[in-house]
Amino acid sequence: MRLKVFLAAILVGFIFFSCSDKDDVSVEPQLIIKFKFDPTQVRLNNLGQPTSVHVDNAAQSPVFNSISAHYFELAPNQYTALGQGSVLYHAPETMAGGDLAIDFSRAKIVGEDEVFLSIPLSQVPQGNYEYVRVSLSYQNYTISVRSSSVDYTGTLESFVGYNTYITTHYIGNNSFPVNSNKLQGYWAFGLNDLPFASSGQAPPGATTVPNPIASTSPIPSGSCVVTGKFQDNLVITNNETSNIYVTLSLSINNSFEWEEVNADGKYEPSIGENVVDMGLRGLVPTFQR
C-alpha cells in the first residue's frame, strides 16, 4: 500500500510540474519594437523629402549608443491626426519642473536591436496600419571633435523631447546637475579621454523632425514625433499566434550638423562652430511575423 501511495505521489508531482513548465513557456504573442540606426538611409528634411547638408555647414554620422522614446502610435492612413491612431505607449511624465514634462529618471533607454517595447497583441486594436509615429526623446552617441589640430572622440547626450525634466545626468565621470525642465534641444557633451565637459541649448525649431504626411497630419512644433510608412501595411487581426517584430530604422545620415568656420569638415567648437541640428533624418518601419 505504501508503495502505491508513493508511486501515486510521484505521478501527481510529475503531472503538476509538467503543467507548470508548459504554462511557463506558453507566452501570449507580442508586438515587439526595436530600433536600428542606419548611416546610409536617405537623409530627409522636415517634410520627409531627401535633402543634403547646407552649403555653409558640415555634418557627420554619429555612432549611436542608445536612444529613448516618449510615445508610440500606429496610424491607419495619412489623414489620421496625431493621437487618433492606436497609441500603444506613453512614457511617464512629471510636474516636478513646474510644467508637464517627460520624466527622464524613468525613461527606458535601449541600444540597437534591444527590445524597447513588448506589447501583448491582444491589446493592439484590430486594424490596417500604414504609418508609425514615434516621439523620440533622448539620444546618446559618439562624435568626433577637433581642437588645436587634434581630433578627439566624445559622447553627446541630446534631449529632443517636447520638454524633459532632468535631475542630474552623467557622461562618464562628468556630472550635469540640471534639476529643471529642458525644452527640445538641450545637449551635453564630454570627451572620452580628457576631463572636458560642456552643455548648451539649441535654438527653438532647430531639430529636424521628418514627417512625410505633414500636409494632412501635422505635428506640434517643438515635438519630436517622427513619422514613417510601412512598405506593406501592418494588419492586426487579434487572432495572431506568434510574435510580430517591428524594427524602427532611423536615419543617422549626417544627422549631427554644425556651421563651419574653418571649412575642413571637422567639428571645432573651440573656434566658434555652433551645432545647428541634432535631429534624426528619417524613419523606415518594417515588420516580421
Protein backbone atom coordinates (compact mmCIF):
# COMPACT_ATOMS: atom_id res chain seq x y z
CA MET A 1 0.00 0.00 0.00
CA ARG A 2 2.78 2.41 0.89
CA LEU A 3 4.47 1.73 -2.44
CA LYS A 4 1.24 2.50 -4.31
CA VAL A 5 0.83 5.76 -2.40
CA PHE A 6 4.44 6.70 -3.10
CA LEU A 7 4.11 5.99 -6.81
CA ALA A 8 0.85 7.92 -6.97
CA ALA A 9 2.50 10.92 -5.30
CA ILE A 10 5.32 10.84 -7.84
CA LEU A 11 2.82 10.67 -10.71
CA VAL A 12 0.83 13.64 -9.37
CA GLY A 13 4.04 15.64 -8.90
CA PHE A 14 5.17 14.84 -12.44
CA ILE A 15 1.85 15.99 -13.88
CA PHE A 16 1.95 19.18 -11.77
CA PHE A 17 5.45 20.15 -12.83
CA SER A 18 4.77 19.24 -16.45
CA CYS A 19 1.75 21.54 -16.47
CA SER A 20 3.73 24.28 -14.70
CA ASP A 21 6.54 24.06 -17.25
CA LYS A 22 4.03 24.23 -20.08
CA ASP A 23 2.41 27.29 -18.56
CA ASP A 24 5.80 29.00 -18.20
CA VAL A 25 6.66 28.65 -21.89
CA SER A 26 3.18 29.45 -23.16
CA VAL A 27 3.59 33.22 -23.59
CA GLU A 28 0.97 35.41 -25.25
CA PRO A 29 2.05 36.67 -28.70
CA GLN A 30 3.64 40.10 -28.50
CA LEU A 31 4.21 43.15 -30.67
CA ILE A 32 7.94 43.70 -30.15
CA ILE A 33 9.53 47.06 -31.01
CA LYS A 34 13.25 47.60 -31.63
CA PHE A 35 15.42 50.41 -33.02
CA LYS A 36 18.04 50.36 -35.75
CA PHE A 37 20.48 53.16 -36.64
CA ASP A 38 21.41 53.45 -40.32
CA PRO A 39 24.07 55.91 -41.59
CA THR A 40 23.26 55.00 -45.23
CA GLN A 41 19.49 55.57 -45.05
CA VAL A 42 18.13 58.51 -47.04
CA ARG A 43 18.62 61.86 -45.32
CA LEU A 44 15.28 63.69 -45.07
CA ASN A 45 14.06 67.16 -44.14
CA ASN A 46 11.04 68.06 -42.02
CA LEU A 47 8.65 67.27 -44.89
CA GLY A 48 10.14 63.84 -45.45
CA GLN A 49 11.94 64.86 -48.64
CA PRO A 50 15.59 63.99 -49.44
CA THR A 51 17.97 66.79 -48.54
CA SER A 52 21.70 67.46 -48.39
CA VAL A 53 23.82 69.35 -45.86
CA HIS A 54 23.53 73.13 -46.20
CA VAL A 55 26.36 74.63 -48.26
CA ASP A 56 27.74 76.64 -45.31
CA ASN A 57 27.54 73.71 -42.90
CA ALA A 58 29.21 70.36 -42.32
CA ALA A 59 27.91 67.20 -40.70
CA GLN A 60 28.84 63.74 -39.52
CA SER A 61 27.01 60.48 -38.96
CA PRO A 62 27.43 59.80 -35.24
CA VAL A 63 27.92 56.37 -33.70
CA PHE A 64 24.75 55.75 -31.73
CA ASN A 65 24.97 54.19 -28.29
CA SER A 66 21.38 54.40 -27.08
CA ILE A 67 18.01 56.07 -27.51
CA SER A 68 14.68 56.58 -25.79
CA ALA A 69 11.19 57.46 -26.97
CA HIS A 70 8.22 59.10 -25.31
CA TYR A 71 5.34 57.94 -27.48
CA PHE A 72 4.45 55.21 -30.00
CA GLU A 73 1.43 55.15 -32.28
CA LEU A 74 0.17 53.11 -35.23
CA ALA A 75 -1.79 55.20 -37.75
CA PRO A 76 -4.16 53.74 -40.37
CA ASN A 77 -3.51 56.35 -43.08
CA GLN A 78 -2.15 59.78 -43.92
CA TYR A 79 -5.31 61.51 -42.70
CA THR A 80 -5.09 60.10 -39.18
CA ALA A 81 -4.50 63.02 -36.83
CA LEU A 82 -1.78 62.68 -34.23
CA GLY A 83 -3.24 60.82 -31.27
CA GLN A 84 -6.21 59.43 -33.21
CA GLY A 85 -4.48 56.19 -34.20
CA SER A 86 -3.65 53.32 -31.85
CA VAL A 87 -1.47 54.87 -29.13
CA LEU A 88 0.41 51.93 -27.62
CA TYR A 89 2.94 53.69 -25.40
CA HIS A 90 3.23 56.94 -23.48
CA ALA A 91 6.29 57.42 -21.24
CA PRO A 92 5.99 58.64 -17.64
CA GLU A 93 5.66 62.41 -17.19
CA THR A 94 6.03 64.72 -14.20
CA MET A 95 5.18 68.24 -12.98
CA ALA A 96 8.30 68.42 -10.80
CA GLY A 97 9.81 71.14 -13.01
CA GLY A 98 6.67 73.30 -12.99
CA ASP A 99 5.21 72.35 -16.37
CA LEU A 100 4.33 68.92 -17.69
CA ALA A 101 7.49 67.18 -18.91
CA ILE A 102 8.96 63.78 -19.72
CA ASP A 103 10.42 62.22 -16.57
CA PHE A 104 13.96 61.33 -17.66
CA SER A 105 14.63 59.40 -14.45
CA ARG A 106 12.05 56.83 -15.57
CA ALA A 107 12.89 56.77 -19.29
CA LYS A 108 13.52 53.40 -20.90
CA ILE A 109 16.84 53.68 -22.73
CA VAL A 110 17.95 50.98 -25.16
CA GLY A 111 20.65 50.27 -27.71
CA GLU A 112 20.29 48.99 -31.26
CA ASP A 113 18.31 45.73 -31.55
CA GLU A 114 17.36 45.78 -27.86
CA VAL A 115 13.66 45.44 -27.07
CA PHE A 116 12.14 48.84 -26.39
CA LEU A 117 8.51 47.72 -26.15
CA SER A 118 6.80 44.35 -25.85
CA ILE A 119 3.02 44.68 -26.02
CA PRO A 120 0.54 41.77 -26.00
CA LEU A 121 -1.03 41.64 -29.45
CA SER A 122 -4.42 41.19 -27.81
CA GLN A 123 -4.02 44.78 -26.55
CA VAL A 124 -3.32 46.19 -30.03
CA PRO A 125 -6.59 47.29 -31.67
CA GLN A 126 -7.54 45.45 -34.84
CA GLY A 127 -6.60 47.49 -37.86
CA ASN A 128 -4.78 48.03 -41.11
CA TYR A 129 -1.89 50.34 -40.28
CA GLU A 130 0.09 52.28 -42.88
CA TYR A 131 2.20 54.56 -40.65
CA VAL A 132 4.20 54.57 -37.45
CA ARG A 133 4.65 57.68 -35.31
CA VAL A 134 7.31 57.64 -32.61
CA SER A 135 8.20 60.60 -30.41
CA LEU A 136 11.94 60.39 -29.77
CA SER A 137 13.11 61.94 -26.52
CA TYR A 138 16.78 61.13 -25.88
CA GLN A 139 19.87 60.30 -27.93
CA ASN A 140 23.31 59.20 -26.79
CA TYR A 141 26.06 58.98 -29.39
CA THR A 142 29.76 59.33 -30.07
CA ILE A 143 31.09 62.14 -32.27
CA SER A 144 34.48 63.36 -33.45
CA VAL A 145 35.69 66.78 -32.30
CA ARG A 146 38.78 68.74 -33.37
CA SER A 147 40.71 71.17 -31.18
CA SER A 148 44.10 72.75 -31.99
CA SER A 149 44.50 70.41 -34.99
CA VAL A 150 44.00 67.31 -32.80
CA ASP A 151 40.97 65.02 -33.19
CA TYR A 152 39.18 63.65 -30.14
CA THR A 153 36.13 61.46 -29.58
CA GLY A 154 33.41 62.39 -27.15
CA THR A 155 29.91 61.44 -26.07
CA LEU A 156 26.95 63.70 -26.66
CA GLU A 157 23.57 63.43 -24.96
CA SER A 158 20.77 65.14 -26.84
CA PHE A 159 17.30 65.70 -25.34
CA VAL A 160 14.87 66.15 -28.21
CA GLY A 161 11.51 65.61 -26.49
CA TYR A 162 8.99 68.45 -26.21
CA ASN A 163 10.03 69.11 -22.59
CA THR A 164 12.13 66.94 -20.26
CA TYR A 165 12.57 67.09 -16.50
CA ILE A 166 16.18 66.17 -15.68
CA THR A 167 17.75 65.85 -12.24
CA THR A 168 21.47 65.08 -12.64
CA HIS A 169 22.72 63.14 -15.64
CA TYR A 170 26.19 61.80 -16.35
CA ILE A 171 28.60 61.34 -19.23
CA GLY A 172 31.42 59.16 -17.96
CA ASN A 173 32.82 60.89 -14.88
CA ASN A 174 31.20 64.20 -15.83
CA SER A 175 28.04 65.15 -13.95
CA PHE A 176 25.47 67.66 -15.17
CA PRO A 177 23.19 68.85 -12.33
CA VAL A 178 20.13 70.28 -14.08
CA ASN A 179 17.17 69.81 -11.70
CA SER A 180 14.74 71.54 -14.02
CA ASN A 181 12.77 71.23 -17.24
CA LYS A 182 14.60 71.49 -20.55
CA LEU A 183 12.85 72.17 -23.84
CA GLN A 184 13.74 70.34 -27.04
CA GLY A 185 17.39 70.88 -27.95
CA TYR A 186 19.19 70.69 -24.61
CA TRP A 187 22.51 68.87 -25.01
CA ALA A 188 25.58 67.91 -23.00
CA PHE A 189 29.00 66.75 -24.18
CA GLY A 190 32.03 65.12 -22.60
CA LEU A 191 35.36 63.99 -24.04
CA ASN A 192 36.01 60.28 -23.62
CA ASP A 193 39.66 60.54 -22.56
CA LEU A 194 40.03 64.05 -21.14
CA PRO A 195 38.37 65.97 -18.29
CA PHE A 196 36.33 68.28 -20.51
CA ALA A 197 32.58 68.79 -20.50
CA SER A 198 30.09 71.37 -21.78
CA SER A 199 26.36 71.78 -22.29
CA GLY A 200 24.00 74.08 -24.11
CA GLN A 201 20.62 74.65 -25.71
CA ALA A 202 19.93 74.52 -29.45
CA PRO A 203 17.62 77.25 -30.81
CA PRO A 204 13.85 76.53 -30.91
CA GLY A 205 12.83 74.68 -34.05
CA ALA A 206 16.40 73.71 -34.95
CA THR A 207 15.80 69.97 -34.60
CA THR A 208 14.75 68.22 -37.80
CA VAL A 209 11.66 66.01 -37.36
CA PRO A 210 10.74 64.26 -40.64
CA ASN A 211 7.00 63.99 -41.28
CA PRO A 212 6.15 62.92 -44.85
CA ILE A 213 2.42 63.47 -44.20
CA ALA A 214 2.77 66.97 -42.76
CA SER A 215 0.19 68.38 -45.19
CA THR A 216 -2.55 66.01 -43.99
CA SER A 217 -1.43 65.13 -40.44
CA PRO A 218 0.85 67.77 -38.91
CA ILE A 219 2.71 67.51 -35.61
CA PRO A 220 3.08 70.19 -32.91
CA SER A 221 6.10 72.48 -33.14
CA GLY A 222 8.80 71.54 -30.65
CA SER A 223 7.89 67.88 -30.54
CA CYS A 224 9.98 65.08 -32.00
CA VAL A 225 7.25 62.88 -33.45
CA VAL A 226 8.98 61.22 -36.40
CA THR A 227 6.64 59.60 -38.94
CA GLY A 228 7.42 56.63 -41.19
CA LYS A 229 5.48 54.48 -43.65
CA PHE A 230 5.43 50.68 -43.83
CA GLN A 231 6.18 49.29 -47.27
CA ASP A 232 3.25 46.92 -46.76
CA ASN A 233 0.54 47.75 -44.26
CA LEU A 234 0.74 46.12 -40.85
CA VAL A 235 -2.52 44.21 -40.37
CA ILE A 236 -3.56 43.28 -36.83
CA THR A 237 -6.42 40.77 -36.52
CA ASN A 238 -6.17 39.86 -32.81
CA ASN A 239 -6.00 36.21 -33.94
CA GLU A 240 -2.21 36.18 -34.09
CA THR A 241 -0.49 33.09 -32.74
CA SER A 242 3.11 34.32 -32.88
CA ASN A 243 5.09 37.49 -32.23
CA ILE A 244 5.28 40.39 -34.66
CA TYR A 245 8.63 42.18 -34.68
CA VAL A 246 8.67 45.86 -35.73
CA THR A 247 12.03 47.47 -36.46
CA LEU A 248 12.20 51.27 -36.46
CA SER A 249 15.14 52.11 -38.72
CA LEU A 250 16.29 55.67 -38.06
CA SER A 251 18.45 57.60 -40.50
CA ILE A 252 21.59 58.96 -38.82
CA ASN A 253 22.96 60.03 -42.21
CA ASN A 254 24.87 63.25 -41.36
CA SER A 255 22.39 63.87 -38.55
CA PHE A 256 24.84 65.91 -36.44
CA GLU A 257 25.27 69.23 -38.27
CA TRP A 258 27.15 72.43 -37.49
CA GLU A 259 28.05 75.81 -39.02
CA GLU A 260 31.53 75.76 -40.49
CA VAL A 261 34.08 78.45 -39.60
CA ASN A 262 37.09 76.55 -40.90
CA ALA A 263 35.80 74.66 -43.96
CA ASP A 264 37.53 71.36 -43.24
CA GLY A 265 34.58 69.11 -42.40
CA LYS A 266 35.72 68.85 -38.78
CA TYR A 267 33.58 69.93 -35.84
CA GLU A 268 35.64 72.56 -33.96
CA PRO A 269 33.60 74.18 -31.15
CA SER A 270 36.73 75.92 -29.82
CA ILE A 271 36.75 78.25 -32.86
CA GLY A 272 33.04 79.03 -32.68
CA GLU A 273 31.49 76.31 -34.81
CA ASN A 274 27.94 76.01 -33.50
CA VAL A 275 25.64 72.99 -33.71
CA VAL A 276 22.57 73.72 -35.82
CA ASP A 277 20.83 70.33 -35.91
CA MET A 278 20.81 67.08 -33.95
CA GLY A 279 17.57 65.62 -35.33
CA LEU A 280 17.27 62.15 -36.81
CA ARG A 281 16.82 62.14 -40.55
CA GLY A 282 14.03 59.73 -41.27
CA LEU A 283 12.13 56.65 -40.12
CA VAL A 284 11.60 53.45 -42.10
CA PRO A 285 9.48 50.93 -40.18
CA THR A 286 9.44 47.26 -41.14
CA PHE A 287 7.83 44.20 -39.58
CA GLN A 288 8.36 40.47 -39.50
CA ARG A 289 5.93 37.79 -38.37
